[in-house]
Amino acid sequence: MTLIWFIIWLISTLVGDNESLTFDPVNWWTGTLILAIALDLSRQHAPQLGRTSRGE
């Protein structure tokens, strides 16, 4: 997820405006980066999420 975010941010920066990542205050790009990192890190806490356990 974080890699996908980085690719989108890189393409957006190259094609559009030069948008910096600011943490004080948090801008839109930094907010989505924090969300992507949180999703990546939370995946290890719920590895069975989305898988059905049928006892096989």
PDB file of N, CA and C in Angstrom:
ATOM      1  N   MET A   1       0.813  -1.185   0.000  1.00  0.00           N
ATOM      2  CA  MET A   1       0.000   0.000   0.000  1.00  0.00           C
ATOM      3  C   MET A   1       0.864   1.259   0.000  1.00  0.00           C
ATOM      4  N   THR A   2       1.909   1.255   0.816  1.00  0.00           N
ATOM      5  CA  THR A   2       2.780   2.425   0.876  1.00  0.00           C
ATOM      6  C   THR A   2       3.523   2.618  -0.437  1.00  0.00           C
ATOM      7  N   LEU A   3       3.902   1.531  -1.082  1.00  0.00           N
ATOM      8  CA  LEU A   3       4.583   1.618  -2.377  1.00  0.00           C
ATOM      9  C   LEU A   3       3.646   2.205  -3.439  1.00  0.00           C
ATOM     10  N   ILE A   4       2.407   1.781  -3.417  1.00  0.00           N
ATOM     11  CA  ILE A   4       1.423   2.336  -4.364  1.00  0.00           C
ATOM     12  C   ILE A   4       1.242   3.830  -4.113  1.00  0.00           C
ATOM     13  N   TRP A   5       1.155   4.217  -2.826  1.00  0.00           N
ATOM     14  CA  TRP A   5       1.031   5.636  -2.484  1.00  0.00           C
ATOM     15  C   TRP A   5       2.227   6.410  -3.032  1.00  0.00           C
ATOM     16  N   PHE A   6       3.437   5.881  -2.856  1.00  0.00           N
ATOM     17  CA  PHE A   6       4.640   6.580  -3.316  1.00  0.00           C
ATOM     18  C   PHE A   6       4.641   6.759  -4.825  1.00  0.00           C
ATOM     19  N   ILE A   7       4.232   5.748  -5.560  1.00  0.00           N
ATOM     20  CA  ILE A   7       4.198   5.840  -7.028  1.00  0.00           C
ATOM     21  C   ILE A   7       3.194   6.915  -7.462  1.00  0.00           C
ATOM     22  N   ILE A   8       2.018   6.932  -6.841  1.00  0.00           N
ATOM     23  CA  ILE A   8       1.015   7.949  -7.181  1.00  0.00           C
ATOM     24  C   ILE A   8       1.528   9.339  -6.840  1.00  0.00           C
ATOM     25  N   TRP A   9       2.149   9.501  -5.661  1.00  0.00           N
ATOM     26  CA  TRP A   9       2.692  10.806  -5.259  1.00  0.00           C
ATOM     27  C   TRP A   9       3.795  11.259  -6.203  1.00  0.00           C
ATOM     28  N   LEU A  10       4.675  10.335  -6.602  1.00  0.00           N
ATOM     29  CA  LEU A  10       5.775  10.668  -7.501  1.00  0.00           C
ATOM     30  C   LEU A  10       5.256  11.118  -8.863  1.00  0.00           C
ATOM     31  N   ILE A  11       4.303  10.398  -9.406  1.00  0.00           N
ATOM     32  CA  ILE A  11       3.723  10.779 -10.701  1.00  0.00           C
ATOM     33  C   ILE A  11       3.025  12.131 -10.585  1.00  0.00           C
ATOM     34  N   SER A  12       2.291  12.333  -9.499  1.00  0.00           N
ATOM     35  CA  SER A  12       1.595  13.605  -9.298  1.00  0.00           C
ATOM     36  C   SER A  12       2.571  14.767  -9.173  1.00  0.00           C
ATOM     37  N   THR A  13       3.680  14.540  -8.493  1.00  0.00           N
ATOM     38  CA  THR A  13       4.681  15.592  -8.335  1.00  0.00           C
ATOM     39  C   THR A  13       5.369  15.895  -9.662  1.00  0.00           C
ATOM     40  N   LEU A  14       5.635  14.876 -10.467  1.00  0.00           N
ATOM     41  CA  LEU A  14       6.297  15.091 -11.748  1.00  0.00           C
ATOM     42  C   LEU A  14       5.372  15.752 -12.767  1.00  0.00           C
ATOM     43  N   VAL A  15       4.097  15.388 -12.750  1.00  0.00           N
ATOM     44  CA  VAL A  15       3.159  15.904 -13.738  1.00  0.00           C
ATOM     45  C   VAL A  15       2.543  17.222 -13.279  1.00  0.00           C
ATOM     46  N   GLY A  16       2.186  17.308 -11.996  1.00  0.00           N
ATOM     47  CA  GLY A  16       1.494  18.486 -11.480  1.00  0.00           C
ATOM     48  C   GLY A  16       2.431  19.402 -10.720  1.00  0.00           C
ATOM     49  N   ASP A  17       1.885  20.006  -9.687  1.00  0.00           N
ATOM     50  CA  ASP A  17       2.657  20.917  -8.843  1.00  0.00           C
ATOM     51  C   ASP A  17       3.622  20.150  -7.954  1.00  0.00           C
ATOM     52  N   ASN A  18       4.633  20.852  -7.478  1.00  0.00           N
ATOM     53  CA  ASN A  18       5.568  20.291  -6.512  1.00  0.00           C
ATOM     54  C   ASN A  18       4.946  20.392  -5.134  1.00  0.00           C
ATOM     55  N   GLU A  19       4.339  19.328  -4.658  1.00  0.00           N
ATOM     56  CA  GLU A  19       3.659  19.330  -3.362  1.00  0.00           C
ATOM     57  C   GLU A  19       4.564  18.682  -2.331  1.00  0.00           C
ATOM     58  N   SER A  20       4.925  19.433  -1.317  1.00  0.00           N
ATOM     59  CA  SER A  20       5.789  18.887  -0.275  1.00  0.00           C
ATOM     60  C   SER A  20       4.951  18.179   0.780  1.00  0.00           C
ATOM     61  N   LEU A  21       5.606  17.314   1.536  1.00  0.00           N
ATOM     62  CA  LEU A  21       4.951  16.617   2.636  1.00  0.00           C
ATOM     63  C   LEU A  21       5.178  17.423   3.901  1.00  0.00           C
ATOM     64  N   THR A  22       4.112  17.929   4.486  1.00  0.00           N
ATOM     65  CA  THR A  22       4.246  18.704   5.714  1.00  0.00           C
ATOM     66  C   THR A  22       3.505  17.994   6.841  1.00  0.00           C
ATOM     67  N   PHE A  23       4.136  17.949   8.013  1.00  0.00           N
ATOM     68  CA  PHE A  23       3.549  17.287   9.168  1.00  0.00           C
ATOM     69  C   PHE A  23       2.983  18.262  10.193  1.00  0.00           C
ATOM     70  N   ASP A  24       3.271  19.547  10.049  1.00  0.00           N
ATOM     71  CA  ASP A  24       2.745  20.522  10.989  1.00  0.00           C
ATOM     72  C   ASP A  24       2.315  21.771  10.243  1.00  0.00           C
ATOM     73  N   PRO A  25       1.129  21.918   9.783  1.00  0.00           N
ATOM     74  CA  PRO A  25      -0.003  21.004   9.887  1.00  0.00           C
ATOM     75  C   PRO A  25       0.065  19.929   8.810  1.00  0.00           C
ATOM     76  N   VAL A  26      -0.629  18.849   9.049  1.00  0.00           N
ATOM     77  CA  VAL A  26      -0.638  17.719   8.107  1.00  0.00           C
ATOM     78  C   VAL A  26      -1.437  18.108   6.872  1.00  0.00           C
ATOM     79  N   ASN A  27      -0.808  17.971   5.700  1.00  0.00           N
ATOM     80  CA  ASN A  27      -1.549  18.249   4.465  1.00  0.00           C
ATOM     81  C   ASN A  27      -2.147  16.950   3.922  1.00  0.00           C
ATOM     82  N   TRP A  28      -2.836  17.052   2.791  1.00  0.00           N
ATOM     83  CA  TRP A  28      -3.556  15.914   2.212  1.00  0.00           C
ATOM     84  C   TRP A  28      -2.626  14.757   1.891  1.00  0.00           C
ATOM     85  N   TRP A  29      -1.486  15.024   1.287  1.00  0.00           N
ATOM     86  CA  TRP A  29      -0.549  13.960   0.914  1.00  0.00           C
ATOM     87  C   TRP A  29       0.017  13.261   2.140  1.00  0.00           C
ATOM     88  N   THR A  30       0.356  14.011   3.160  1.00  0.00           N
ATOM     89  CA  THR A  30       0.895  13.412   4.377  1.00  0.00           C
ATOM     90  C   THR A  30      -0.175  12.601   5.091  1.00  0.00           C
ATOM     91  N   GLY A  31      -1.404  13.057   5.069  1.00  0.00           N
ATOM     92  CA  GLY A  31      -2.504  12.306   5.673  1.00  0.00           C
ATOM     93  C   GLY A  31      -2.716  10.961   5.010  1.00  0.00           C
ATOM     94  N   THR A  32      -2.651  10.946   3.678  1.00  0.00           N
ATOM     95  CA  THR A  32      -2.819   9.667   2.985  1.00  0.00           C
ATOM     96  C   THR A  32      -1.605   8.770   3.194  1.00  0.00           C
ATOM     97  N   LEU A  33      -0.409   9.347   3.351  1.00  0.00           N
ATOM     98  CA  LEU A  33       0.772   8.542   3.659  1.00  0.00           C
ATOM     99  C   LEU A  33       0.627   7.891   5.036  1.00  0.00           C
ATOM    100  N   ILE A  34       0.174   8.653   6.028  1.00  0.00           N
ATOM    101  CA  ILE A  34      -0.034   8.089   7.359  1.00  0.00           C
ATOM    102  C   ILE A  34      -1.087   6.981   7.305  1.00  0.00           C
ATOM    103  N   LEU A  35      -2.150   7.169   6.536  1.00  0.00           N
ATOM    104  CA  LEU A  35      -3.174   6.139   6.378  1.00  0.00           C
ATOM    105  C   LEU A  35      -2.605   4.885   5.726  1.00  0.00           C
ATOM    106  N   ALA A  36      -1.794   5.041   4.675  1.00  0.00           N
ATOM    107  CA  ALA A  36      -1.195   3.885   4.002  1.00  0.00           C
ATOM    108  C   ALA A  36      -0.268   3.123   4.945  1.00  0.00           C
ATOM    109  N   ILE A  37       0.523   3.834   5.722  1.00  0.00           N
ATOM    110  CA  ILE A  37       1.411   3.173   6.682  1.00  0.00           C
ATOM    111  C   ILE A  37       0.594   2.447   7.747  1.00  0.00           C
ATOM    112  N   ALA A  38      -0.473   3.085   8.232  1.00  0.00           N
ATOM    113  CA  ALA A  38      -1.320   2.453   9.247  1.00  0.00           C
ATOM    114  C   ALA A  38      -1.969   1.187   8.706  1.00  0.00           C
ATOM    115  N   LEU A  39      -2.422   1.214   7.463  1.00  0.00           N
ATOM    116  CA  LEU A  39      -3.018   0.015   6.870  1.00  0.00           C
ATOM    117  C   LEU A  39      -1.987  -1.090   6.706  1.00  0.00           C
ATOM    118  N   ASP A  40      -0.773  -0.730   6.290  1.00  0.00           N
ATOM    119  CA  ASP A  40       0.295  -1.723   6.158  1.00  0.00           C
ATOM    120  C   ASP A  40       0.645  -2.349   7.498  1.00  0.00           C
ATOM    121  N   LEU A  41       0.755  -1.538   8.536  1.00  0.00           N
ATOM    122  CA  LEU A  41       1.130  -2.051   9.848  1.00  0.00           C
ATOM    123  C   LEU A  41      -0.003  -2.830  10.517  1.00  0.00           C
ATOM    124  N   SER A  42      -1.259  -2.437  10.271  1.00  0.00           N
ATOM    125  CA  SER A  42      -2.376  -3.121  10.914  1.00  0.00           C
ATOM    126  C   SER A  42      -2.647  -4.485  10.289  1.00  0.00           C
ATOM    127  N   ARG A  43      -2.178  -4.702   9.090  1.00  0.00           N
ATOM    128  CA  ARG A  43      -2.400  -5.987   8.419  1.00  0.00           C
ATOM    129  C   ARG A  43      -1.771  -7.140   9.190  1.00  0.00           C
ATOM    130  N   GLN A  44      -0.653  -6.907   9.857  1.00  0.00           N
ATOM    131  CA  GLN A  44      -0.005  -7.983  10.593  1.00  0.00           C
ATOM    132  C   GLN A  44      -0.781  -8.378  11.855  1.00  0.00           C
ATOM    133  N   HIS A  45      -1.665  -7.511  12.325  1.00  0.00           N
ATOM    134  CA  HIS A  45      -2.460  -7.823  13.504  1.00  0.00           C
ATOM    135  C   HIS A  45      -3.702  -8.631  13.170  1.00  0.00           C
ATOM    136  N   ALA A  46      -4.102  -8.658  11.920  1.00  0.00           N
ATOM    137  CA  ALA A  46      -5.286  -9.404  11.499  1.00  0.00           C
ATOM    138  C   ALA A  46      -4.969 -10.194  10.235  1.00  0.00           C
ATOM    139  N   PRO A  47      -4.065 -11.174  10.308  1.00  0.00           N
ATOM    140  CA  PRO A  47      -3.673 -11.897   9.094  1.00  0.00           C
ATOM    141  C   PRO A  47      -4.777 -12.751   8.507  1.00  0.00           C
ATOM    142  N   GLN A  48      -5.738 -13.165   9.324  1.00  0.00           N
ATOM    143  CA  GLN A  48      -6.805 -14.021   8.823  1.00  0.00           C
ATOM    144  C   GLN A  48      -8.005 -13.234   8.311  1.00  0.00           C
ATOM    145  N   LEU A  49      -7.958 -11.939   8.400  1.00  0.00           N
ATOM    146  CA  LEU A  49      -9.066 -11.116   7.944  1.00  0.00           C
ATOM    147  C   LEU A  49      -9.266 -11.289   6.441  1.00  0.00           C
ATOM    148  N   GLY A  50     -10.444 -11.589   6.042  1.00  0.00           N
ATOM    149  CA  GLY A  50     -10.737 -11.767   4.621  1.00  0.00           C
ATOM    150  C   GLY A  50     -10.611 -13.205   4.156  1.00  0.00           C
ATOM    151  N   ARG A  51     -10.047 -14.052   4.971  1.00  0.00           N
ATOM    152  CA  ARG A  51      -9.949 -15.470   4.631  1.00  0.00           C
ATOM    153  C   ARG A  51     -11.038 -16.224   5.380  1.00  0.00           C
ATOM    154  N   THR A  52     -11.629 -17.154   4.698  1.00  0.00           N
ATOM    155  CA  THR A  52     -12.659 -17.953   5.360  1.00  0.00           C
ATOM    156  C   THR A  52     -12.018 -19.214   5.911  1.00  0.00           C
ATOM    157  N   SER A  53     -12.326 -19.522   7.142  1.00  0.00           N
ATOM    158  CA  SER A  53     -11.780 -20.749   7.740  1.00  0.00           C
ATOM    159  C   SER A  53     -12.869 -21.804   7.758  1.00  0.00           C
ATOM    160  N   ARG A  54     -12.656 -22.846   6.988  1.00  0.00           N
ATOM    161  CA  ARG A  54     -13.634 -23.925   6.873  1.00  0.00           C
ATOM    162  C   ARG A  54     -13.115 -25.204   7.529  1.00  0.00           C
ATOM    163  N   GLY A  55     -11.972 -25.083   8.219  1.00  0.00           N
ATOM    164  CA  GLY A  55     -11.444 -26.254   8.884  1.00  0.00           C
ATOM    165  C   GLY A  55     -10.741 -27.210   7.942  1.00  0.00           C
ATOM    166  N   GLU A  56     -10.329 -26.733   6.804  1.00  0.00           N
ATOM    167  CA  GLU A  56      -9.678 -27.602   5.819  1.00  0.00           C
ATOM    168  C   GLU A  56      -8.200 -27.715   6.107  1.00  0.00           C
TER     169      GLU A  56
END
